[in-house]
């Protein structure tokens, strides 16, 4: 037989590869240890690896060395909040170079305000900042912000970009604050769940068709496990019952811990109403159930 004979060259193990993350959903570069095409792909959902934002852990090493010696999560959260306030001069933005009373500045905008803004208005200004942060750091493009963003350069896209810019203008290193919030969240997840790689989360929806379905995922036994391209940031709940309050159907997703941006138990008072987990997007295989 020839070495290019079909019987020899066929690769059965590659014939059923999972669908790749579409090019229009990712950037060619990011500020993370893995490119968007990998961290946003279906293989990452199955076999995740730790994600690290460039330089963040090294820059804030004293914080994490301090936290290593603290056994109680509540005390670690208190120390983290104090560190953020001190490092970014959140109580005194003029010490960070911002001019007090200058019109149009958002010197007191902080990571906590972004989280609150996301909770109250997922298509608002603070949410645009959060989606822009994920776009920059992880290379995953937003898919929706008030309306579809599937066409870059469209009026909808321009409105999103303008809202993101307005949310960042005059702030005190707001994206750097989100960098550290994410890194601290990953530190806490590793300490609280040292043996886990995934967490099962739920999202209420009215129509699965409102999401970008990549494959239908029909299986021989009649079950359905479609592959869905989620927005680059999405809200889920740890509680199936709470998720069912937001739609007639429930998306059930096993989310890799590295793709949890932040969550309700991370800091006091954070996202408590819905036991919410904010999830970084990409491709996910989901299951659909009736609420």
C-alpha atoms as a PDB file:
ATOM      1  CA  UNK A   1       0.000   0.000   0.000  1.00  0.00           C
ATOM      2  CA  UNK A   2       1.088   3.536  -0.721  1.00  0.00           C
ATOM      3  CA  UNK A   3       1.682   5.853   2.211  1.00  0.00           C
ATOM      4  CA  UNK A   4      -0.985   8.209   0.844  1.00  0.00           C
ATOM      5  CA  UNK A   5      -3.570   5.480   0.411  1.00  0.00           C
ATOM      6  CA  UNK A   6      -6.949   6.463   1.821  1.00  0.00           C
ATOM      7  CA  UNK A   7      -7.113   3.485   4.129  1.00  0.00           C
ATOM      8  CA  UNK A   8      -3.870   4.561   5.776  1.00  0.00           C
ATOM      9  CA  UNK A   9      -4.434   8.320   5.847  1.00  0.00           C
ATOM     10  CA  UNK A  10      -7.968   8.307   7.152  1.00  0.00           C
ATOM     11  CA  UNK A  11      -8.126   9.556  10.757  1.00  0.00           C
ATOM     12  CA  UNK A  12     -11.343   8.313  12.378  1.00  0.00           C
ATOM     13  CA  UNK A  13     -10.472  10.065  15.630  1.00  0.00           C
ATOM     14  CA  UNK A  14     -10.560  13.409  13.807  1.00  0.00           C
ATOM     15  CA  UNK A  15     -13.748  12.979  11.845  1.00  0.00           C
ATOM     16  CA  UNK A  16     -15.960  14.075  14.747  1.00  0.00           C
ATOM     17  CA  UNK A  17     -13.985  17.025  16.033  1.00  0.00           C
ATOM     18  CA  UNK A  18     -16.007  19.630  17.953  1.00  0.00           C
ATOM     19  CA  UNK A  19     -16.879  22.812  16.048  1.00  0.00           C
ATOM     20  CA  UNK A  20     -14.267  25.580  16.387  1.00  0.00           C
ATOM     21  CA  UNK A  21     -14.949  29.005  17.814  1.00  0.00           C
ATOM     22  CA  UNK A  22     -16.011  31.128  14.812  1.00  0.00           C
ATOM     23  CA  UNK A  23     -13.500  33.715  13.628  1.00  0.00           C
ATOM     24  CA  UNK A  24     -16.059  36.510  13.923  1.00  0.00           C
ATOM     25  CA  UNK A  25     -16.426  35.765  17.652  1.00  0.00           C
ATOM     26  CA  UNK A  26     -12.775  36.236  18.607  1.00  0.00           C
ATOM     27  CA  UNK A  27      -9.781  38.523  18.370  1.00  0.00           C
ATOM     28  CA  UNK A  28      -6.368  37.319  17.144  1.00  0.00           C
ATOM     29  CA  UNK A  29      -4.666  38.540  20.344  1.00  0.00           C
ATOM     30  CA  UNK A  30      -5.589  38.935  23.988  1.00  0.00           C
ATOM     31  CA  UNK A  31      -3.949  39.498  27.377  1.00  0.00           C
ATOM     32  CA  UNK A  32      -4.221  35.968  28.655  1.00  0.00           C
ATOM     33  CA  UNK A  33      -2.031  32.873  28.727  1.00  0.00           C
ATOM     34  CA  UNK A  34      -4.267  31.076  26.198  1.00  0.00           C
ATOM     35  CA  UNK A  35      -5.585  32.460  22.887  1.00  0.00           C
ATOM     36  CA  UNK A  36      -9.293  33.035  22.385  1.00  0.00           C
ATOM     37  CA  UNK A  37      -9.595  30.198  19.881  1.00  0.00           C
ATOM     38  CA  UNK A  38      -8.640  27.768  22.663  1.00  0.00           C
ATOM     39  CA  UNK A  39     -10.243  29.234  25.783  1.00  0.00           C
ATOM     40  CA  UNK A  40     -13.425  29.989  23.862  1.00  0.00           C
ATOM     41  CA  UNK A  41     -13.673  26.544  22.284  1.00  0.00           C
ATOM     42  CA  UNK A  42     -15.685  23.490  23.192  1.00  0.00           C
ATOM     43  CA  UNK A  43     -12.597  21.467  24.063  1.00  0.00           C
ATOM     44  CA  UNK A  44     -11.827  23.950  26.835  1.00  0.00           C
ATOM     45  CA  UNK A  45     -15.251  23.342  28.345  1.00  0.00           C
ATOM     46  CA  UNK A  46     -14.459  19.632  28.459  1.00  0.00           C
ATOM     47  CA  UNK A  47     -10.865  19.924  29.678  1.00  0.00           C
ATOM     48  CA  UNK A  48     -10.184  23.355  31.158  1.00  0.00           C
ATOM     49  CA  UNK A  49      -6.840  24.774  32.183  1.00  0.00           C
ATOM     50  CA  UNK A  50      -6.022  27.675  34.482  1.00  0.00           C
ATOM     51  CA  UNK A  51      -6.323  31.128  32.916  1.00  0.00           C
ATOM     52  CA  UNK A  52      -3.965  33.914  33.962  1.00  0.00           C
ATOM     53  CA  UNK A  53      -4.110  37.547  32.901  1.00  0.00           C
ATOM     54  CA  UNK A  54      -0.755  38.936  31.876  1.00  0.00           C
ATOM     55  CA  UNK A  55       1.276  40.210  34.815  1.00  0.00           C
ATOM     56  CA  UNK A  56      -1.560  40.518  37.334  1.00  0.00           C
ATOM     57  CA  UNK A  57      -0.523  37.809  39.801  1.00  0.00           C
ATOM     58  CA  UNK A  58       3.114  38.943  39.719  1.00  0.00           C
ATOM     59  CA  UNK A  59       2.232  42.603  40.248  1.00  0.00           C
ATOM     60  CA  UNK A  60       0.024  41.837  43.234  1.00  0.00           C
ATOM     61  CA  UNK A  61       2.059  38.981  44.711  1.00  0.00           C
ATOM     62  CA  UNK A  62       2.143  40.557  48.223  1.00  0.00           C
ATOM     63  CA  UNK A  63      -1.654  40.414  48.362  1.00  0.00           C
ATOM     64  CA  UNK A  64      -1.826  36.718  47.561  1.00  0.00           C
ATOM     65  CA  UNK A  65       1.044  35.891  49.928  1.00  0.00           C
ATOM     66  CA  UNK A  66      -0.967  37.630  52.655  1.00  0.00           C
ATOM     67  CA  UNK A  67      -4.135  35.719  51.757  1.00  0.00           C
ATOM     68  CA  UNK A  68      -2.290  32.395  51.829  1.00  0.00           C
ATOM     69  CA  UNK A  69      -2.026  32.640  55.620  1.00  0.00           C
ATOM     70  CA  UNK A  70      -5.720  33.434  56.211  1.00  0.00           C
ATOM     71  CA  UNK A  71      -8.017  30.448  56.706  1.00  0.00           C
ATOM     72  CA  UNK A  72     -11.431  32.156  56.695  1.00  0.00           C
ATOM     73  CA  UNK A  73     -12.923  33.251  53.328  1.00  0.00           C
ATOM     74  CA  UNK A  74     -14.730  36.192  54.971  1.00  0.00           C
ATOM     75  CA  UNK A  75     -11.483  37.533  56.354  1.00  0.00           C
ATOM     76  CA  UNK A  76      -9.763  37.071  52.984  1.00  0.00           C
ATOM     77  CA  UNK A  77     -12.584  39.035  51.346  1.00  0.00           C
ATOM     78  CA  UNK A  78     -12.182  41.828  53.893  1.00  0.00           C
ATOM     79  CA  UNK A  79      -8.449  42.013  53.257  1.00  0.00           C
ATOM     80  CA  UNK A  80      -8.996  42.007  49.507  1.00  0.00           C
ATOM     81  CA  UNK A  81     -11.438  44.919  49.691  1.00  0.00           C
ATOM     82  CA  UNK A  82      -8.976  46.853  51.847  1.00  0.00           C
ATOM     83  CA  UNK A  83      -6.159  46.171  49.399  1.00  0.00           C
ATOM     84  CA  UNK A  84      -8.254  47.354  46.448  1.00  0.00           C
ATOM     85  CA  UNK A  85      -9.205  50.544  48.283  1.00  0.00           C
ATOM     86  CA  UNK A  86      -5.599  51.270  49.175  1.00  0.00           C
ATOM     87  CA  UNK A  87      -3.865  50.205  45.964  1.00  0.00           C
ATOM     88  CA  UNK A  88      -6.219  52.059  43.616  1.00  0.00           C
ATOM     89  CA  UNK A  89      -6.838  54.961  46.015  1.00  0.00           C
ATOM     90  CA  UNK A  90     -10.577  54.403  45.684  1.00  0.00           C
ATOM     91  CA  UNK A  91     -11.468  56.621  48.636  1.00  0.00           C
ATOM     92  CA  UNK A  92      -9.214  59.441  47.408  1.00  0.00           C
ATOM     93  CA  UNK A  93      -9.162  59.423  43.588  1.00  0.00           C
ATOM     94  CA  UNK A  94      -7.367  62.775  43.498  1.00  0.00           C
ATOM     95  CA  UNK A  95      -4.315  60.950  44.894  1.00  0.00           C
ATOM     96  CA  UNK A  96      -4.368  58.822  41.735  1.00  0.00           C
ATOM     97  CA  UNK A  97      -4.109  61.945  39.592  1.00  0.00           C
ATOM     98  CA  UNK A  98      -7.797  62.688  39.013  1.00  0.00           C
ATOM     99  CA  UNK A  99      -8.949  66.287  39.329  1.00  0.00           C
ATOM    100  CA  UNK A 100     -11.641  66.673  41.961  1.00  0.00           C
ATOM    101  CA  UNK A 101     -14.899  68.121  40.674  1.00  0.00           C
ATOM    102  CA  UNK A 102     -13.916  68.018  37.012  1.00  0.00           C
ATOM    103  CA  UNK A 103     -17.066  67.633  34.862  1.00  0.00           C
ATOM    104  CA  UNK A 104     -17.469  64.361  33.021  1.00  0.00           C
ATOM    105  CA  UNK A 105     -15.034  62.340  35.107  1.00  0.00           C
ATOM    106  CA  UNK A 106     -15.996  59.140  36.861  1.00  0.00           C
ATOM    107  CA  UNK A 107     -13.230  59.112  39.414  1.00  0.00           C
ATOM    108  CA  UNK A 108     -15.265  57.128  41.917  1.00  0.00           C
ATOM    109  CA  UNK A 109     -16.290  54.450  39.426  1.00  0.00           C
ATOM    110  CA  UNK A 110     -14.908  51.184  40.742  1.00  0.00           C
ATOM    111  CA  UNK A 111     -15.036  47.439  40.256  1.00  0.00           C
ATOM    112  CA  UNK A 112     -17.918  47.317  42.749  1.00  0.00           C
ATOM    113  CA  UNK A 113     -19.901  49.833  40.710  1.00  0.00           C
ATOM    114  CA  UNK A 114     -19.334  47.757  37.572  1.00  0.00           C
ATOM    115  CA  UNK A 115     -20.664  44.659  39.334  1.00  0.00           C
ATOM    116  CA  UNK A 116     -23.717  46.538  40.655  1.00  0.00           C
ATOM    117  CA  UNK A 117     -24.331  48.092  37.253  1.00  0.00           C
ATOM    118  CA  UNK A 118     -24.186  44.684  35.585  1.00  0.00           C
ATOM    119  CA  UNK A 119     -26.709  43.310  38.081  1.00  0.00           C
ATOM    120  CA  UNK A 120     -29.183  46.143  37.499  1.00  0.00           C
ATOM    121  CA  UNK A 121     -28.765  46.692  33.741  1.00  0.00           C
ATOM    122  CA  UNK A 122     -26.970  43.981  31.711  1.00  0.00           C
ATOM    123  CA  UNK A 123     -27.228  46.225  28.634  1.00  0.00           C
ATOM    124  CA  UNK A 124     -26.172  49.420  30.394  1.00  0.00           C
ATOM    125  CA  UNK A 125     -22.963  51.425  30.571  1.00  0.00           C
ATOM    126  CA  UNK A 126     -21.281  49.367  33.289  1.00  0.00           C
ATOM    127  CA  UNK A 127     -22.167  46.188  31.409  1.00  0.00           C
ATOM    128  CA  UNK A 128     -20.528  47.630  28.291  1.00  0.00           C
ATOM    129  CA  UNK A 129     -17.374  48.188  30.344  1.00  0.00           C
ATOM    130  CA  UNK A 130     -17.476  44.585  31.532  1.00  0.00           C
ATOM    131  CA  UNK A 131     -18.013  43.207  28.018  1.00  0.00           C
ATOM    132  CA  UNK A 132     -15.193  45.391  26.734  1.00  0.00           C
ATOM    133  CA  UNK A 133     -12.918  44.104  29.483  1.00  0.00           C
ATOM    134  CA  UNK A 134     -13.610  40.479  28.472  1.00  0.00           C
ATOM    135  CA  UNK A 135     -13.047  41.418  24.836  1.00  0.00           C
ATOM    136  CA  UNK A 136      -9.662  42.954  25.677  1.00  0.00           C
ATOM    137  CA  UNK A 137      -8.405  40.402  28.181  1.00  0.00           C
ATOM    138  CA  UNK A 138      -9.759  37.140  26.772  1.00  0.00           C
ATOM    139  CA  UNK A 139     -10.224  38.052  23.111  1.00  0.00           C
ATOM    140  CA  UNK A 140     -13.913  37.097  22.996  1.00  0.00           C
ATOM    141  CA  UNK A 141     -16.126  39.503  21.084  1.00  0.00           C
ATOM    142  CA  UNK A 142     -19.475  40.580  22.553  1.00  0.00           C
ATOM    143  CA  UNK A 143     -22.448  39.155  20.681  1.00  0.00           C
ATOM    144  CA  UNK A 144     -25.249  41.258  22.162  1.00  0.00           C
ATOM    145  CA  UNK A 145     -25.654  44.558  23.990  1.00  0.00           C
ATOM    146  CA  UNK A 146     -29.233  45.730  23.897  1.00  0.00           C
ATOM    147  CA  UNK A 147     -29.357  44.377  20.353  1.00  0.00           C
ATOM    148  CA  UNK A 148     -27.345  42.044  18.183  1.00  0.00           C
ATOM    149  CA  UNK A 149     -23.642  42.850  17.708  1.00  0.00           C
ATOM    150  CA  UNK A 150     -23.055  40.183  15.085  1.00  0.00           C
ATOM    151  CA  UNK A 151     -22.052  42.798  12.496  1.00  0.00           C
ATOM    152  CA  UNK A 152     -18.975  44.825  13.571  1.00  0.00           C
ATOM    153  CA  UNK A 153     -19.224  48.429  12.443  1.00  0.00           C
ATOM    154  CA  UNK A 154     -23.018  48.420  12.431  1.00  0.00           C
ATOM    155  CA  UNK A 155     -24.953  51.200  14.250  1.00  0.00           C
ATOM    156  CA  UNK A 156     -25.541  48.767  17.133  1.00  0.00           C
ATOM    157  CA  UNK A 157     -21.809  48.071  17.348  1.00  0.00           C
ATOM    158  CA  UNK A 158     -20.983  51.774  17.311  1.00  0.00           C
ATOM    159  CA  UNK A 159     -23.439  52.397  20.154  1.00  0.00           C
ATOM    160  CA  UNK A 160     -21.794  49.649  22.195  1.00  0.00           C
ATOM    161  CA  UNK A 161     -18.305  51.084  21.581  1.00  0.00           C
ATOM    162  CA  UNK A 162     -19.476  54.569  22.521  1.00  0.00           C
ATOM    163  CA  UNK A 163     -21.093  53.288  25.710  1.00  0.00           C
ATOM    164  CA  UNK A 164     -17.959  51.363  26.628  1.00  0.00           C
ATOM    165  CA  UNK A 165     -15.789  54.431  26.059  1.00  0.00           C
ATOM    166  CA  UNK A 166     -18.128  56.594  28.150  1.00  0.00           C
ATOM    167  CA  UNK A 167     -17.957  54.037  30.946  1.00  0.00           C
ATOM    168  CA  UNK A 168     -14.147  54.038  30.980  1.00  0.00           C
ATOM    169  CA  UNK A 169     -13.556  57.764  30.418  1.00  0.00           C
ATOM    170  CA  UNK A 170     -12.200  59.561  33.461  1.00  0.00           C
ATOM    171  CA  UNK A 171     -11.988  56.439  35.603  1.00  0.00           C
ATOM    172  CA  UNK A 172      -9.162  55.214  37.787  1.00  0.00           C
ATOM    173  CA  UNK A 173      -7.651  52.132  36.103  1.00  0.00           C
ATOM    174  CA  UNK A 174     -11.084  50.504  36.020  1.00  0.00           C
ATOM    175  CA  UNK A 175     -10.055  47.584  33.788  1.00  0.00           C
ATOM    176  CA  UNK A 176      -7.012  46.944  35.988  1.00  0.00           C
ATOM    177  CA  UNK A 177      -9.393  46.725  38.954  1.00  0.00           C
ATOM    178  CA  UNK A 178     -11.422  44.104  37.067  1.00  0.00           C
ATOM    179  CA  UNK A 179      -8.189  42.235  36.307  1.00  0.00           C
ATOM    180  CA  UNK A 180      -7.486  41.889  40.005  1.00  0.00           C
ATOM    181  CA  UNK A 181     -11.100  41.026  40.838  1.00  0.00           C
ATOM    182  CA  UNK A 182     -10.984  38.142  38.354  1.00  0.00           C
ATOM    183  CA  UNK A 183      -7.609  36.946  39.631  1.00  0.00           C
ATOM    184  CA  UNK A 184      -8.834  37.036  43.226  1.00  0.00           C
ATOM    185  CA  UNK A 185     -11.979  35.148  42.206  1.00  0.00           C
ATOM    186  CA  UNK A 186      -9.875  32.407  40.654  1.00  0.00           C
ATOM    187  CA  UNK A 187      -7.734  32.261  43.773  1.00  0.00           C
ATOM    188  CA  UNK A 188     -10.851  31.825  45.919  1.00  0.00           C
ATOM    189  CA  UNK A 189     -12.357  29.171  43.674  1.00  0.00           C
ATOM    190  CA  UNK A 190      -9.127  27.180  43.835  1.00  0.00           C
ATOM    191  CA  UNK A 191      -9.051  27.389  47.634  1.00  0.00           C
ATOM    192  CA  UNK A 192     -12.731  26.677  48.199  1.00  0.00           C
ATOM    193  CA  UNK A 193     -13.063  23.928  45.546  1.00  0.00           C
ATOM    194  CA  UNK A 194      -9.569  22.443  45.223  1.00  0.00           C
ATOM    195  CA  UNK A 195     -10.760  19.210  43.572  1.00  0.00           C
ATOM    196  CA  UNK A 196     -13.333  20.649  41.189  1.00  0.00           C
ATOM    197  CA  UNK A 197     -12.892  21.668  37.575  1.00  0.00           C
ATOM    198  CA  UNK A 198     -16.520  22.586  36.773  1.00  0.00           C
ATOM    199  CA  UNK A 199     -19.631  23.892  38.441  1.00  0.00           C
ATOM    200  CA  UNK A 200     -23.169  23.252  37.204  1.00  0.00           C
ATOM    201  CA  UNK A 201     -25.052  26.478  36.548  1.00  0.00           C
ATOM    202  CA  UNK A 202     -28.495  27.384  35.208  1.00  0.00           C
ATOM    203  CA  UNK A 203     -29.875  30.153  33.015  1.00  0.00           C
ATOM    204  CA  UNK A 204     -33.529  30.847  32.308  1.00  0.00           C
ATOM    205  CA  UNK A 205     -34.434  31.487  28.646  1.00  0.00           C
ATOM    206  CA  UNK A 206     -37.667  31.878  26.714  1.00  0.00           C
ATOM    207  CA  UNK A 207     -36.363  30.741  23.334  1.00  0.00           C
ATOM    208  CA  UNK A 208     -33.149  28.879  22.673  1.00  0.00           C
ATOM    209  CA  UNK A 209     -33.288  30.331  19.166  1.00  0.00           C
ATOM    210  CA  UNK A 210     -32.420  33.742  20.629  1.00  0.00           C
ATOM    211  CA  UNK A 211     -28.913  32.351  21.145  1.00  0.00           C
ATOM    212  CA  UNK A 212     -26.384  31.511  18.431  1.00  0.00           C
ATOM    213  CA  UNK A 213     -26.754  27.774  17.954  1.00  0.00           C
ATOM    214  CA  UNK A 214     -23.664  26.258  16.323  1.00  0.00           C
ATOM    215  CA  UNK A 215     -24.863  22.642  16.195  1.00  0.00           C
ATOM    216  CA  UNK A 216     -28.217  21.136  17.128  1.00  0.00           C
ATOM    217  CA  UNK A 217     -26.550  18.337  19.055  1.00  0.00           C
ATOM    218  CA  UNK A 218     -29.278  15.741  18.503  1.00  0.00           C
ATOM    219  CA  UNK A 219     -28.328  12.346  19.906  1.00  0.00           C
ATOM    220  CA  UNK A 220     -29.524   8.840  18.957  1.00  0.00           C
ATOM    221  CA  UNK A 221     -31.466   8.433  22.219  1.00  0.00           C
ATOM    222  CA  UNK A 222     -33.571  11.490  21.395  1.00  0.00           C
ATOM    223  CA  UNK A 223     -31.766  13.782  23.829  1.00  0.00           C
ATOM    224  CA  UNK A 224     -30.543  17.168  22.698  1.00  0.00           C
ATOM    225  CA  UNK A 225     -27.269  18.814  23.744  1.00  0.00           C
ATOM    226  CA  UNK A 226     -26.761  21.738  21.359  1.00  0.00           C
ATOM    227  CA  UNK A 227     -23.553  23.709  21.102  1.00  0.00           C
ATOM    228  CA  UNK A 228     -24.278  27.377  21.751  1.00  0.00           C
ATOM    229  CA  UNK A 229     -22.113  30.470  21.297  1.00  0.00           C
ATOM    230  CA  UNK A 230     -22.813  32.548  24.395  1.00  0.00           C
ATOM    231  CA  UNK A 231     -22.327  36.273  24.702  1.00  0.00           C
ATOM    232  CA  UNK A 232     -18.838  37.075  25.938  1.00  0.00           C
ATOM    233  CA  UNK A 233     -20.357  37.685  29.392  1.00  0.00           C
ATOM    234  CA  UNK A 234     -23.535  35.983  30.608  1.00  0.00           C
ATOM    235  CA  UNK A 235     -25.375  35.610  33.901  1.00  0.00           C
ATOM    236  CA  UNK A 236     -26.139  32.201  35.375  1.00  0.00           C
ATOM    237  CA  UNK A 237     -27.464  31.065  38.724  1.00  0.00           C
ATOM    238  CA  UNK A 238     -26.330  28.323  41.066  1.00  0.00           C
ATOM    239  CA  UNK A 239     -30.021  27.786  41.837  1.00  0.00           C
ATOM    240  CA  UNK A 240     -32.169  26.010  39.261  1.00  0.00           C
ATOM    241  CA  UNK A 241     -35.306  27.391  40.895  1.00  0.00           C
ATOM    242  CA  UNK A 242     -34.128  31.006  40.621  1.00  0.00           C
ATOM    243  CA  UNK A 243     -33.082  30.501  37.008  1.00  0.00           C
ATOM    244  CA  UNK A 244     -36.564  29.191  36.235  1.00  0.00           C
ATOM    245  CA  UNK A 245     -38.011  32.579  37.204  1.00  0.00           C
ATOM    246  CA  UNK A 246     -36.403  34.160  34.131  1.00  0.00           C
ATOM    247  CA  UNK A 247     -37.696  31.936  31.348  1.00  0.00           C
ATOM    248  CA  UNK A 248     -39.860  29.018  30.305  1.00  0.00           C
ATOM    249  CA  UNK A 249     -36.796  26.861  29.723  1.00  0.00           C
ATOM    250  CA  UNK A 250     -33.514  26.384  31.535  1.00  0.00           C
ATOM    251  CA  UNK A 251     -30.053  26.072  30.052  1.00  0.00           C
ATOM    252  CA  UNK A 252     -28.005  23.633  32.109  1.00  0.00           C
ATOM    253  CA  UNK A 253     -24.278  24.163  31.660  1.00  0.00           C
ATOM    254  CA  UNK A 254     -21.211  22.660  33.291  1.00  0.00           C
ATOM    255  CA  UNK A 255     -19.013  25.746  33.433  1.00  0.00           C
ATOM    256  CA  UNK A 256     -15.223  25.459  33.884  1.00  0.00           C
ATOM    257  CA  UNK A 257     -14.087  27.309  36.985  1.00  0.00           C
ATOM    258  CA  UNK A 258     -11.543  29.413  35.010  1.00  0.00           C
ATOM    259  CA  UNK A 259     -14.437  30.940  33.047  1.00  0.00           C
ATOM    260  CA  UNK A 260     -16.201  32.343  36.090  1.00  0.00           C
ATOM    261  CA  UNK A 261     -15.480  36.073  36.159  1.00  0.00           C
ATOM    262  CA  UNK A 262     -16.984  36.610  39.621  1.00  0.00           C
ATOM    263  CA  UNK A 263     -19.816  35.198  41.696  1.00  0.00           C
ATOM    264  CA  UNK A 264     -22.201  35.886  44.545  1.00  0.00           C
ATOM    265  CA  UNK A 265     -20.133  34.353  47.357  1.00  0.00           C
ATOM    266  CA  UNK A 266     -16.942  36.160  46.422  1.00  0.00           C
ATOM    267  CA  UNK A 267     -17.485  39.410  48.347  1.00  0.00           C
ATOM    268  CA  UNK A 268     -20.060  40.576  50.910  1.00  0.00           C
ATOM    269  CA  UNK A 269     -23.311  41.659  49.275  1.00  0.00           C
ATOM    270  CA  UNK A 270     -22.203  40.758  45.747  1.00  0.00           C
ATOM    271  CA  UNK A 271     -24.967  39.517  43.402  1.00  0.00           C
ATOM    272  CA  UNK A 272     -26.911  37.932  46.263  1.00  0.00           C
ATOM    273  CA  UNK A 273     -30.425  38.330  44.849  1.00  0.00           C
ATOM    274  CA  UNK A 274     -30.136  35.543  42.274  1.00  0.00           C
ATOM    275  CA  UNK A 275     -27.139  33.599  43.595  1.00  0.00           C
ATOM    276  CA  UNK A 276     -25.550  34.857  40.396  1.00  0.00           C
ATOM    277  CA  UNK A 277     -22.423  33.675  38.613  1.00  0.00           C
ATOM    278  CA  UNK A 278     -21.014  35.841  35.818  1.00  0.00           C
ATOM    279  CA  UNK A 279     -19.601  33.553  33.139  1.00  0.00           C
ATOM    280  CA  UNK A 280     -17.100  34.298  30.376  1.00  0.00           C
ATOM    281  CA  UNK A 281     -18.516  33.258  27.004  1.00  0.00           C
ATOM    282  CA  UNK A 282     -17.491  31.180  24.022  1.00  0.00           C
ATOM    283  CA  UNK A 283     -18.784  27.792  22.913  1.00  0.00           C
ATOM    284  CA  UNK A 284     -20.658  25.622  25.386  1.00  0.00           C
ATOM    285  CA  UNK A 285     -22.485  22.360  25.089  1.00  0.00           C
ATOM    286  CA  UNK A 286     -25.739  22.844  26.982  1.00  0.00           C
ATOM    287  CA  UNK A 287     -28.764  20.834  28.021  1.00  0.00           C
ATOM    288  CA  UNK A 288     -32.271  22.224  27.866  1.00  0.00           C
ATOM    289  CA  UNK A 289     -34.952  21.554  30.468  1.00  0.00           C
ATOM    290  CA  UNK A 290     -38.430  22.847  31.200  1.00  0.00           C
ATOM    291  CA  UNK A 291     -38.578  25.453  33.954  1.00  0.00           C
END
